[in-house]
C-alpha atoms as a PDB file:
ATOM      1  CA  MET A   1      63.181 125.166  45.385  1.00  0.00           C
ATOM      2  CA  LEU A   2      62.848 128.461  45.916  1.00  0.00           C
ATOM      3  CA  LEU A   3      66.354 129.237  46.107  1.00  0.00           C
ATOM      4  CA  GLY A   4      67.360 130.284  42.853  1.00  0.00           C
ATOM      5  CA  PHE A   5      65.277 134.030  43.099  1.00  0.00           C
ATOM      6  CA  PHE A   6      68.471 134.876  45.980  1.00  0.00           C
ATOM      7  CA  THR A   7      71.512 137.525  45.385  1.00  0.00           C
ATOM      8  CA  ASN A   8      75.693 136.618  44.041  1.00  0.00           C
ATOM      9  CA  GLY A   9      77.084 136.878  48.299  1.00  0.00           C
ATOM     10  CA  GLN A  10      75.207 135.541  50.584  1.00  0.00           C
ATOM     11  CA  SER A  11      75.336 132.471  51.906  1.00  0.00           C
ATOM     12  CA  ARG A  12      72.288 129.982  51.771  1.00  0.00           C
ATOM     13  CA  SER A  13      71.337 130.854  55.870  1.00  0.00           C
ATOM     14  CA  GLU A  14      71.288 134.008  55.234  1.00  0.00           C
ATOM     15  CA  GLN A  15      69.017 133.777  52.000  1.00  0.00           C
ATOM     16  CA  LEU A  16      67.024 131.133  54.209  1.00  0.00           C
ATOM     17  CA  GLN A  17      66.262 134.279  56.691  1.00  0.00           C
ATOM     18  CA  GLN A  18      66.169 136.658  54.544  1.00  0.00           C
ATOM     19  CA  LEU A  19      62.678 134.764  52.195  1.00  0.00           C
ATOM     20  CA  PHE A  20      61.105 133.910  55.959  1.00  0.00           C
ATOM     21  CA  ASP A  21      61.420 136.589  57.973  1.00  0.00           C
ATOM     22  CA  THR A  22      59.225 138.514  54.501  1.00  0.00           C
ATOM     23  CA  LEU A  23      56.859 135.612  54.846  1.00  0.00           C
ATOM     24  CA  TYR A  24      56.189 136.291  58.455  1.00  0.00           C
ATOM     25  CA  ALA A  25      56.361 140.165  58.168  1.00  0.00           C
ATOM     26  CA  LYS A  26      53.393 139.445  54.927  1.00  0.00           C
ATOM     27  CA  HIS A  27      52.143 137.679  57.229  1.00  0.00           C
ATOM     28  CA  GLN A  28      52.707 134.296  55.400  1.00  0.00           C
ATOM     29  CA  PHE A  29      54.355 132.039  57.656  1.00  0.00           C
ATOM     30  CA  ASN A  30      53.591 131.299  61.391  1.00  0.00           C
ATOM     31  CA  GLY A  31      55.545 128.089  61.789  1.00  0.00           C
ATOM     32  CA  CYS A  32      58.874 127.373  62.692  1.00  0.00           C
ATOM     33  CA  VAL A  33      61.953 125.922  60.219  1.00  0.00           C
ATOM     34  CA  LEU A  34      64.528 123.406  59.596  1.00  0.00           C
ATOM     35  CA  ILE A  35      66.245 123.487  57.024  1.00  0.00           C
ATOM     36  CA  ALA A  36      68.661 119.915  56.061  1.00  0.00           C
ATOM     37  CA  ASP A  37      71.125 120.119  53.589  1.00  0.00           C
ATOM     38  CA  SER A  38      73.012 116.324  53.541  1.00  0.00           C
ATOM     39  CA  GLY A  39      71.847 115.083  57.205  1.00  0.00           C
ATOM     40  CA  CYS A  40      73.763 118.639  58.584  1.00  0.00           C
ATOM     41  CA  PRO A  41      71.128 121.967  59.570  1.00  0.00           C
ATOM     42  CA  ILE A  42      71.748 124.756  57.437  1.00  0.00           C
ATOM     43  CA  PHE A  43      69.064 126.968  58.738  1.00  0.00           C
ATOM     44  CA  LYS A  44      66.501 126.240  62.248  1.00  0.00           C
ATOM     45  CA  SER A  45      64.083 129.404  63.242  1.00  0.00           C
ATOM     46  CA  ALA A  46      60.307 130.197  64.350  1.00  0.00           C
ATOM     47  CA  TYR A  47      58.075 132.527  63.546  1.00  0.00           C
ATOM     48  CA  GLY A  48      54.973 133.866  65.336  1.00  0.00           C
ATOM     49  CA  TYR A  49      52.695 132.804  68.541  1.00  0.00           C
ATOM     50  CA  ALA A  50      51.917 128.775  69.719  1.00  0.00           C
ATOM     51  CA  ASP A  51      49.407 130.518  71.375  1.00  0.00           C
ATOM     52  CA  LEU A  52      48.890 134.046  69.159  1.00  0.00           C
ATOM     53  CA  ASP A  53      45.599 135.492  72.500  1.00  0.00           C
ATOM     54  CA  LYS A  54      48.418 134.391  75.380  1.00  0.00           C
ATOM     55  CA  LYS A  55      50.845 135.524  72.864  1.00  0.00           C
ATOM     56  CA  THR A  56      53.292 132.733  73.632  1.00  0.00           C
ATOM     57  CA  ALA A  57      56.306 132.718  70.673  1.00  0.00           C
ATOM     58  CA  LEU A  58      56.678 130.183  69.008  1.00  0.00           C
ATOM     59  CA  ASN A  59      60.791 128.480  69.822  1.00  0.00           C
ATOM     60  CA  LEU A  60      63.040 125.755  68.595  1.00  0.00           C
END
């Protein structure tokens, strides 16, 4: 998928955190993320707002 460009030594969770932090900082992603491997969650996070006008943050 998108993980081929990350550096060695980082866990997959750290790699995903870096990816989504970067996308959010560049205003290219707003939403909730859940990524699982063999049915086990390896990364989950929420970025941005559910309601921008009210500044209501997304949550899991």
